[in-house]
PDB file of N, CA and C in Angstrom:
ATOM      1  N   MET A   1     101.187 112.715 110.890  1.00  0.00           N
ATOM      2  CA  MET A   1      99.641 112.031 110.593  1.00  0.00           C
ATOM      3  C   MET A   1     100.052 111.366 109.103  1.00  0.00           C
ATOM      4  N   SER A   2     100.614 112.243 107.903  1.00  0.00           N
ATOM      5  CA  SER A   2     100.775 111.511 106.591  1.00  0.00           C
ATOM      6  C   SER A   2     102.062 110.623 106.681  1.00  0.00           C
ATOM      7  N   GLU A   3     102.932 110.844 107.651  1.00  0.00           N
ATOM      8  CA  GLU A   3     104.011 109.925 107.688  1.00  0.00           C
ATOM      9  C   GLU A   3     103.820 108.485 107.858  1.00  0.00           C
ATOM     10  N   ASN A   4     102.407 108.384 108.624  1.00  0.00           N
ATOM     11  CA  ASN A   4     101.963 106.958 108.902  1.00  0.00           C
ATOM     12  C   ASN A   4     101.118 106.356 107.884  1.00  0.00           C
ATOM     13  N   ALA A   5     100.612 107.138 106.761  1.00  0.00           N
ATOM     14  CA  ALA A   5      99.741 106.575 105.875  1.00  0.00           C
ATOM     15  C   ALA A   5     100.657 105.415 105.115  1.00  0.00           C
ATOM     16  N   GLU A   6     101.744 105.787 104.693  1.00  0.00           N
ATOM     17  CA  GLU A   6     102.578 104.934 103.393  1.00  0.00           C
ATOM     18  C   GLU A   6     102.691 103.472 104.119  1.00  0.00           C
ATOM     19  N   PRO A   7     103.328 103.704 105.284  1.00  0.00           N
ATOM     20  CA  PRO A   7     103.432 102.356 106.076  1.00  0.00           C
ATOM     21  C   PRO A   7     102.272 101.708 106.244  1.00  0.00           C
ATOM     22  N   THR A   8     101.116 101.988 106.609  1.00  0.00           N
ATOM     23  CA  THR A   8      99.919 101.530 107.003  1.00  0.00           C
ATOM     24  C   THR A   8      99.562 100.737 105.840  1.00  0.00           C
ATOM     25  N   ILE A   9      99.601 101.763 104.604  1.00  0.00           N
ATOM     26  CA  ILE A   9      98.874 101.016 103.249  1.00  0.00           C
ATOM     27  C   ILE A   9      99.670  99.577 103.063  1.00  0.00           C
ATOM     28  N   LEU A  10     100.952  99.756 103.010  1.00  0.00           N
ATOM     29  CA  LEU A  10     102.033  98.791 102.730  1.00  0.00           C
ATOM     30  C   LEU A  10     101.749  97.425 103.386  1.00  0.00           C
ATOM     31  N   GLY A  11     101.648  97.722 104.905  1.00  0.00           N
ATOM     32  CA  GLY A  11     101.159  96.898 105.679  1.00  0.00           C
ATOM     33  C   GLY A  11      99.807  96.042 105.420  1.00  0.00           C
ATOM     34  N   PHE A  12      98.757  96.942 105.386  1.00  0.00           N
ATOM     35  CA  PHE A  12      97.679  96.366 104.906  1.00  0.00           C
ATOM     36  C   PHE A  12      97.933  95.472 103.543  1.00  0.00           C
ATOM     37  N   VAL A  13      98.253  95.940 102.556  1.00  0.00           N
ATOM     38  CA  VAL A  13      98.577  95.170 101.254  1.00  0.00           C
ATOM     39  C   VAL A  13      99.441  93.703 101.772  1.00  0.00           C
ATOM     40  N   ALA A  14     100.152  93.876 102.490  1.00  0.00           N
ATOM     41  CA  ALA A  14     101.218  92.763 102.551  1.00  0.00           C
ATOM     42  C   ALA A  14     100.521  91.502 103.365  1.00  0.00           C
ATOM     43  N   SER A  15      99.463  91.832 104.053  1.00  0.00           N
ATOM     44  CA  SER A  15      98.489  91.096 104.876  1.00  0.00           C
ATOM     45  C   SER A  15      97.440  90.257 104.015  1.00  0.00           C
ATOM     46  N   ARG A  16      97.428  90.927 103.158  1.00  0.00           N
ATOM     47  CA  ARG A  16      96.385  90.482 101.902  1.00  0.00           C
ATOM     48  C   ARG A  16      96.928  90.215 100.758  1.00  0.00           C
ATOM     49  N   PRO A  17      97.835  89.265 100.370  1.00  0.00           N
ATOM     50  CA  PRO A  17      98.787  89.578  99.011  1.00  0.00           C
ATOM     51  C   PRO A  17      98.029  88.976  98.027  1.00  0.00           C
ATOM     52  N   ALA A  18      96.724  88.207  98.104  1.00  0.00           N
ATOM     53  CA  ALA A  18      96.101  87.758  97.017  1.00  0.00           C
ATOM     54  C   ALA A  18      94.746  88.557  96.948  1.00  0.00           C
ATOM     55  N   GLY A  19      94.682  89.768  97.714  1.00  0.00           N
ATOM     56  CA  GLY A  19      93.353  90.254  97.692  1.00  0.00           C
ATOM     57  C   GLY A  19      93.905  92.082  97.702  1.00  0.00           C
ATOM     58  N   THR A  20      92.481  92.684  98.102  1.00  0.00           N
ATOM     59  CA  THR A  20      92.716  94.238  98.053  1.00  0.00           C
ATOM     60  C   THR A  20      92.226  94.651  99.311  1.00  0.00           C
ATOM     61  N   ILE A  21      92.401  95.952  99.638  1.00  0.00           N
ATOM     62  CA  ILE A  21      92.123  96.720 100.768  1.00  0.00           C
ATOM     63  C   ILE A  21      91.073  98.032  99.993  1.00  0.00           C
ATOM     64  N   CYS A  22      90.213  98.723 100.811  1.00  0.00           N
ATOM     65  CA  CYS A  22      89.691  99.915 100.642  1.00  0.00           C
ATOM     66  C   CYS A  22      90.396 101.048 101.411  1.00  0.00           C
ATOM     67  N   PRO A  23      90.749 101.957 100.795  1.00  0.00           N
ATOM     68  CA  PRO A  23      91.357 102.999 101.265  1.00  0.00           C
ATOM     69  C   PRO A  23      90.672 103.770 102.702  1.00  0.00           C
ATOM     70  N   SER A  24      89.483 103.479 102.860  1.00  0.00           N
ATOM     71  CA  SER A  24      88.944 103.837 104.332  1.00  0.00           C
ATOM     72  C   SER A  24      89.264 103.021 105.327  1.00  0.00           C
ATOM     73  N   GLU A  25      89.649 101.677 105.178  1.00  0.00           N
ATOM     74  CA  GLU A  25      90.328 100.895 106.000  1.00  0.00           C
ATOM     75  C   GLU A  25      91.710 101.553 106.532  1.00  0.00           C
ATOM     76  N   VAL A  26      92.391 102.179 105.608  1.00  0.00           N
ATOM     77  CA  VAL A  26      93.546 102.797 106.059  1.00  0.00           C
ATOM     78  C   VAL A  26      93.345 104.166 106.940  1.00  0.00           C
ATOM     79  N   ALA A  27      92.332 104.701 106.530  1.00  0.00           N
ATOM     80  CA  ALA A  27      91.805 105.898 107.141  1.00  0.00           C
ATOM     81  C   ALA A  27      91.472 105.633 108.632  1.00  0.00           C
ATOM     82  N   ARG A  28      90.812 104.578 108.752  1.00  0.00           N
ATOM     83  CA  ARG A  28      90.144 104.093 109.800  1.00  0.00           C
ATOM     84  C   ARG A  28      90.993 103.760 110.957  1.00  0.00           C
ATOM     85  N   SER A  29      92.174 103.050 110.179  1.00  0.00           N
ATOM     86  CA  SER A  29      93.468 102.642 111.338  1.00  0.00           C
ATOM     87  C   SER A  29      94.013 103.879 111.671  1.00  0.00           C
ATOM     88  N   LEU A  30      94.085 104.714 110.685  1.00  0.00           N
ATOM     89  CA  LEU A  30      94.967 105.895 111.159  1.00  0.00           C
ATOM     90  C   LEU A  30      94.391 106.451 112.194  1.00  0.00           C
ATOM     91  N   ALA A  31      93.006 106.699 112.300  1.00  0.00           N
ATOM     92  CA  ALA A  31      92.119 107.557 113.116  1.00  0.00           C
ATOM     93  C   ALA A  31      91.479 106.626 114.595  1.00  0.00           C
ATOM     94  N   LYS A  32      92.324 105.616 114.628  1.00  0.00           N
ATOM     95  CA  LYS A  32      91.723 104.247 115.729  1.00  0.00           C
ATOM     96  C   LYS A  32      91.734 105.189 117.017  1.00  0.00           C
ATOM     97  N   ASP A  33      92.538 106.173 117.442  1.00  0.00           N
ATOM     98  CA  ASP A  33      92.723 106.545 118.733  1.00  0.00           C
ATOM     99  C   ASP A  33      91.789 107.498 118.960  1.00  0.00           C
ATOM    100  N   HIS A  34      90.839 107.859 117.888  1.00  0.00           N
ATOM    101  CA  HIS A  34      89.942 109.221 117.992  1.00  0.00           C
ATOM    102  C   HIS A  34      88.804 108.624 118.379  1.00  0.00           C
ATOM    103  N   ASN A  35      87.845 109.366 119.264  1.00  0.00           N
ATOM    104  CA  ASN A  35      86.664 108.883 120.047  1.00  0.00           C
ATOM    105  C   ASN A  35      85.414 109.196 118.709  1.00  0.00           C
ATOM    106  N   ALA A  36      85.586 110.104 118.166  1.00  0.00           N
ATOM    107  CA  ALA A  36      84.422 110.618 117.085  1.00  0.00           C
ATOM    108  C   ALA A  36      84.530 109.369 116.136  1.00  0.00           C
ATOM    109  N   PRO A  37      83.140 108.913 116.000  1.00  0.00           N
ATOM    110  CA  PRO A  37      82.976 107.725 114.967  1.00  0.00           C
ATOM    111  C   PRO A  37      83.522 107.831 113.592  1.00  0.00           C
ATOM    112  N   LEU A  38      83.158 109.319 113.359  1.00  0.00           N
ATOM    113  CA  LEU A  38      83.277 109.564 111.663  1.00  0.00           C
ATOM    114  C   LEU A  38      85.159 110.344 111.754  1.00  0.00           C
ATOM    115  N   GLU A  39      85.663 110.445 112.429  1.00  0.00           N
ATOM    116  CA  GLU A  39      87.002 111.086 112.841  1.00  0.00           C
ATOM    117  C   GLU A  39      87.856 110.547 111.454  1.00  0.00           C
ATOM    118  N   TRP A  40      87.372 109.366 110.960  1.00  0.00           N
ATOM    119  CA  TRP A  40      88.419 108.774 109.830  1.00  0.00           C
ATOM    120  C   TRP A  40      88.448 109.551 108.727  1.00  0.00           C
ATOM    121  N   ARG A  41      87.219 110.162 108.441  1.00  0.00           N
ATOM    122  CA  ARG A  41      87.113 110.848 107.082  1.00  0.00           C
ATOM    123  C   ARG A  41      88.283 111.943 106.874  1.00  0.00           C
ATOM    124  N   LYS A  42      88.617 112.650 107.933  1.00  0.00           N
ATOM    125  CA  LYS A  42      89.547 113.649 107.831  1.00  0.00           C
ATOM    126  C   LYS A  42      90.807 113.044 107.589  1.00  0.00           C
ATOM    127  N   PHE A  43      90.844 111.642 107.553  1.00  0.00           N
ATOM    128  CA  PHE A  43      92.370 111.131 107.103  1.00  0.00           C
ATOM    129  C   PHE A  43      92.444 110.646 105.680  1.00  0.00           C
ATOM    130  N   MET A  44      91.178 110.552 105.023  1.00  0.00           N
ATOM    131  CA  MET A  44      91.148 110.394 103.515  1.00  0.00           C
ATOM    132  C   MET A  44      92.159 111.150 102.929  1.00  0.00           C
ATOM    133  N   PRO A  45      92.008 112.489 102.841  1.00  0.00           N
ATOM    134  CA  PRO A  45      93.173 113.342 101.806  1.00  0.00           C
ATOM    135  C   PRO A  45      94.472 112.834 102.037  1.00  0.00           C
ATOM    136  N   VAL A  46      94.872 112.278 103.552  1.00  0.00           N
ATOM    137  CA  VAL A  46      96.302 111.938 103.560  1.00  0.00           C
ATOM    138  C   VAL A  46      96.206 110.487 102.917  1.00  0.00           C
ATOM    139  N   VAL A  47      95.160 109.761 103.203  1.00  0.00           N
ATOM    140  CA  VAL A  47      95.520 108.489 102.442  1.00  0.00           C
ATOM    141  C   VAL A  47      95.772 108.505 100.996  1.00  0.00           C
ATOM    142  N   HIS A  48      94.869 109.471 100.180  1.00  0.00           N
ATOM    143  CA  HIS A  48      95.019 109.618  98.865  1.00  0.00           C
ATOM    144  C   HIS A  48      96.438 110.159  98.477  1.00  0.00           C
ATOM    145  N   GLU A  49      96.522 110.717  99.180  1.00  0.00           N
ATOM    146  CA  GLU A  49      98.004 111.512  98.716  1.00  0.00           C
ATOM    147  C   GLU A  49      99.352 110.529  99.118  1.00  0.00           C
ATOM    148  N   ALA A  50      99.029 109.529 100.244  1.00  0.00           N
ATOM    149  CA  ALA A  50     100.085 108.484  99.949  1.00  0.00           C
ATOM    150  C   ALA A  50      99.824 107.466  99.113  1.00  0.00           C
ATOM    151  N   VAL A  51      98.442 107.240  98.604  1.00  0.00           N
ATOM    152  CA  VAL A  51      98.025 106.234  97.341  1.00  0.00           C
ATOM    153  C   VAL A  51      98.854 106.684  95.990  1.00  0.00           C
ATOM    154  N   ASP A  52      98.795 108.063  96.023  1.00  0.00           N
ATOM    155  CA  ASP A  52      99.380 108.627  94.681  1.00  0.00           C
ATOM    156  C   ASP A  52     101.105 108.530  94.792  1.00  0.00           C
ATOM    157  N   VAL A  53     101.898 108.564  95.862  1.00  0.00           N
ATOM    158  CA  VAL A  53     103.169 108.523  95.948  1.00  0.00           C
ATOM    159  C   VAL A  53     103.326 107.112  95.743  1.00  0.00           C
ATOM    160  N   LEU A  54     103.004 106.206  96.531  1.00  0.00           N
ATOM    161  CA  LEU A  54     103.050 104.339  96.101  1.00  0.00           C
ATOM    162  C   LEU A  54     102.687 104.266  94.826  1.00  0.00           C
ATOM    163  N   LEU A  55     101.574 104.682  94.171  1.00  0.00           N
ATOM    164  CA  LEU A  55     101.370 104.149  92.916  1.00  0.00           C
ATOM    165  C   LEU A  55     102.485 104.616  91.888  1.00  0.00           C
ATOM    166  N   ALA A  56     102.937 106.020  92.063  1.00  0.00           N
ATOM    167  CA  ALA A  56     103.947 106.625  91.435  1.00  0.00           C
ATOM    168  C   ALA A  56     105.253 105.707  91.529  1.00  0.00           C
ATOM    169  N   ARG A  57     105.614 105.390  92.736  1.00  0.00           N
ATOM    170  CA  ARG A  57     106.906 104.607  92.916  1.00  0.00           C
ATOM    171  C   ARG A  57     106.590 102.889  92.371  1.00  0.00           C
ATOM    172  N   GLY A  58     105.671 102.704  92.125  1.00  0.00           N
ATOM    173  CA  GLY A  58     105.080 101.335  91.471  1.00  0.00           C
ATOM    174  C   GLY A  58     105.260 100.285  92.670  1.00  0.00           C
ATOM    175  N   GLU A  59     104.891 100.682  93.965  1.00  0.00           N
ATOM    176  CA  GLU A  59     104.717  99.820  94.967  1.00  0.00           C
ATOM    177  C   GLU A  59     103.281  99.260  95.284  1.00  0.00           C
ATOM    178  N   ILE A  60     102.178  99.702  94.761  1.00  0.00           N
ATOM    179  CA  ILE A  60     101.024  99.386  94.684  1.00  0.00           C
ATOM    180  C   ILE A  60     100.340  99.162  93.366  1.00  0.00           C
ATOM    181  N   THR A  61      99.216  98.533  93.456  1.00  0.00           N
ATOM    182  CA  THR A  61      98.305  98.657  92.276  1.00  0.00           C
ATOM    183  C   THR A  61      97.107  99.086  92.672  1.00  0.00           C
ATOM    184  N   LEU A  62      96.210  99.966  91.753  1.00  0.00           N
ATOM    185  CA  LEU A  62      94.857 100.286  92.085  1.00  0.00           C
ATOM    186  C   LEU A  62      93.756  99.665  90.989  1.00  0.00           C
ATOM    187  N   THR A  63      92.827  98.988  91.544  1.00  0.00           N
ATOM    188  CA  THR A  63      92.036  98.620  90.751  1.00  0.00           C
ATOM    189  C   THR A  63      90.332  98.861  91.007  1.00  0.00           C
ATOM    190  N   TRP A  64      89.585  98.901  90.192  1.00  0.00           N
ATOM    191  CA  TRP A  64      87.928  99.034  90.299  1.00  0.00           C
ATOM    192  C   TRP A  64      87.575  98.164  89.574  1.00  0.00           C
ATOM    193  N   LYS A  65      86.572  97.253  90.132  1.00  0.00           N
ATOM    194  CA  LYS A  65      85.865  95.997  89.435  1.00  0.00           C
ATOM    195  C   LYS A  65      86.838  94.920  88.769  1.00  0.00           C
ATOM    196  N   SER A  66      87.895  94.721  89.151  1.00  0.00           N
ATOM    197  CA  SER A  66      89.011  94.029  88.705  1.00  0.00           C
ATOM    198  C   SER A  66      89.762  94.894  87.430  1.00  0.00           C
ATOM    199  N   ALA A  67      89.528  95.952  87.253  1.00  0.00           N
ATOM    200  CA  ALA A  67      90.098  97.059  85.899  1.00  0.00           C
ATOM    201  C   ALA A  67      91.232  97.501  86.853  1.00  0.00           C
ATOM    202  N   VAL A  68      92.600  97.313  86.157  1.00  0.00           N
ATOM    203  CA  VAL A  68      93.658  97.877  86.819  1.00  0.00           C
ATOM    204  C   VAL A  68      93.736  99.677  86.219  1.00  0.00           C
ATOM    205  N   MET A  69      93.846 100.531  87.184  1.00  0.00           N
ATOM    206  CA  MET A  69      93.720 101.769  86.934  1.00  0.00           C
ATOM    207  C   MET A  69      95.168 102.357  87.087  1.00  0.00           C
ATOM    208  N   SER A  70      95.410 103.486  85.947  1.00  0.00           N
ATOM    209  CA  SER A  70      96.789 103.866  85.898  1.00  0.00           C
ATOM    210  C   SER A  70      97.007 105.009  87.109  1.00  0.00           C
ATOM    211  N   GLU A  71      95.765 105.506  87.595  1.00  0.00           N
ATOM    212  CA  GLU A  71      95.921 106.888  88.353  1.00  0.00           C
ATOM    213  C   GLU A  71      94.652 106.586  89.380  1.00  0.00           C
ATOM    214  N   ARG A  72      94.556 107.255  90.295  1.00  0.00           N
ATOM    215  CA  ARG A  72      93.708 107.087  91.156  1.00  0.00           C
ATOM    216  C   ARG A  72      92.373 108.178  90.564  1.00  0.00           C
ATOM    217  N   ALA A  73      91.098 107.688  90.602  1.00  0.00           N
ATOM    218  CA  ALA A  73      89.734 108.657  90.391  1.00  0.00           C
ATOM    219  C   ALA A  73      88.737 107.552  90.708  1.00  0.00           C
ATOM    220  N   GLY A  74      87.751 108.344  91.258  1.00  0.00           N
ATOM    221  CA  GLY A  74      86.825 107.704  91.696  1.00  0.00           C
ATOM    222  C   GLY A  74      86.978 106.711  92.878  1.00  0.00           C
ATOM    223  N   PRO A  75      86.023 105.717  92.802  1.00  0.00           N
ATOM    224  CA  PRO A  75      86.494 104.536  93.744  1.00  0.00           C
ATOM    225  C   PRO A  75      87.372 103.616  93.335  1.00  0.00           C
ATOM    226  N   TYR A  76      88.177 103.268  94.248  1.00  0.00           N
ATOM    227  CA  TYR A  76      89.101 102.463  94.013  1.00  0.00           C
ATOM    228  C   TYR A  76      89.616 101.671  95.165  1.00  0.00           C
ATOM    229  N   ARG A  77      90.100 100.246  94.611  1.00  0.00           N
ATOM    230  CA  ARG A  77      90.678  99.373  95.707  1.00  0.00           C
ATOM    231  C   ARG A  77      92.313  99.380  95.429  1.00  0.00           C
ATOM    232  N   ILE A  78      93.059  98.915  96.603  1.00  0.00           N
ATOM    233  CA  ILE A  78      94.362  98.754  96.566  1.00  0.00           C
ATOM    234  C   ILE A  78      95.284  97.514  96.890  1.00  0.00           C
ATOM    235  N   SER A  79      96.021  97.014  95.877  1.00  0.00           N
ATOM    236  CA  SER A  79      96.468  96.006  96.355  1.00  0.00           C
ATOM    237  C   SER A  79      98.003  96.091  96.001  1.00  0.00           C
ATOM    238  N   ALA A  80      98.822  94.834  96.421  1.00  0.00           N
ATOM    239  CA  ALA A  80     100.437  94.726  96.212  1.00  0.00           C
ATOM    240  C   ALA A  80     100.427  94.887  94.832  1.00  0.00           C
ATOM    241  N   ARG A  81     101.692  95.554  94.321  1.00  0.00           N
ATOM    242  CA  ARG A  81     101.944  95.550  92.962  1.00  0.00           C
ATOM    243  C   ARG A  81     102.006  94.133  92.257  1.00  0.00           C
ATOM    244  N   LYS A  82     101.270  94.324  91.294  1.00  0.00           N
ATOM    245  CA  LYS A  82     100.930  92.998  90.078  1.00  0.00           C
ATOM    246  C   LYS A  82     102.506  93.030  89.532  1.00  0.00           C
ATOM    247  N   GLN A  83     102.976  91.777  89.615  1.00  0.00           N
ATOM    248  CA  GLN A  83     104.289  91.237  89.121  1.00  0.00           C
ATOM    249  C   GLN A  83     103.691  90.980  87.601  1.00  0.00           C
ATOM    250  N   LYS A  84     104.856  91.384  86.480  1.00  0.00           N
ATOM    251  CA  LYS A  84     104.468  91.030  85.251  1.00  0.00           C
ATOM    252  C   LYS A  84     105.294  89.663  84.780  1.00  0.00           C
ATOM    253  N   GLY A  85     104.833  88.824  84.097  1.00  0.00           N
ATOM    254  CA  GLY A  85     105.561  87.768  83.707  1.00  0.00           C
ATOM    255  C   GLY A  85     104.798  86.405  83.691  1.00  0.00           C
TER     256      GLY A  85
END
């Protein structure tokens, strides 16, 4: 389950280069084969863990209300790594 979260996150952000994604979108995608409507919530810890790893590697940027976040806390949005310069 967790091995799919990182590539799923990267795939979502690649599909929206000028936009952001919600972590719940990734969880819903990972849970897509489950019949229970709220099954995706069980995937949120896996998504959060993958976000932490990708953020530490500098592969993604986290924001909330357009402010860049240095770590995951509270609500957040995920985007492709912002290029400096």
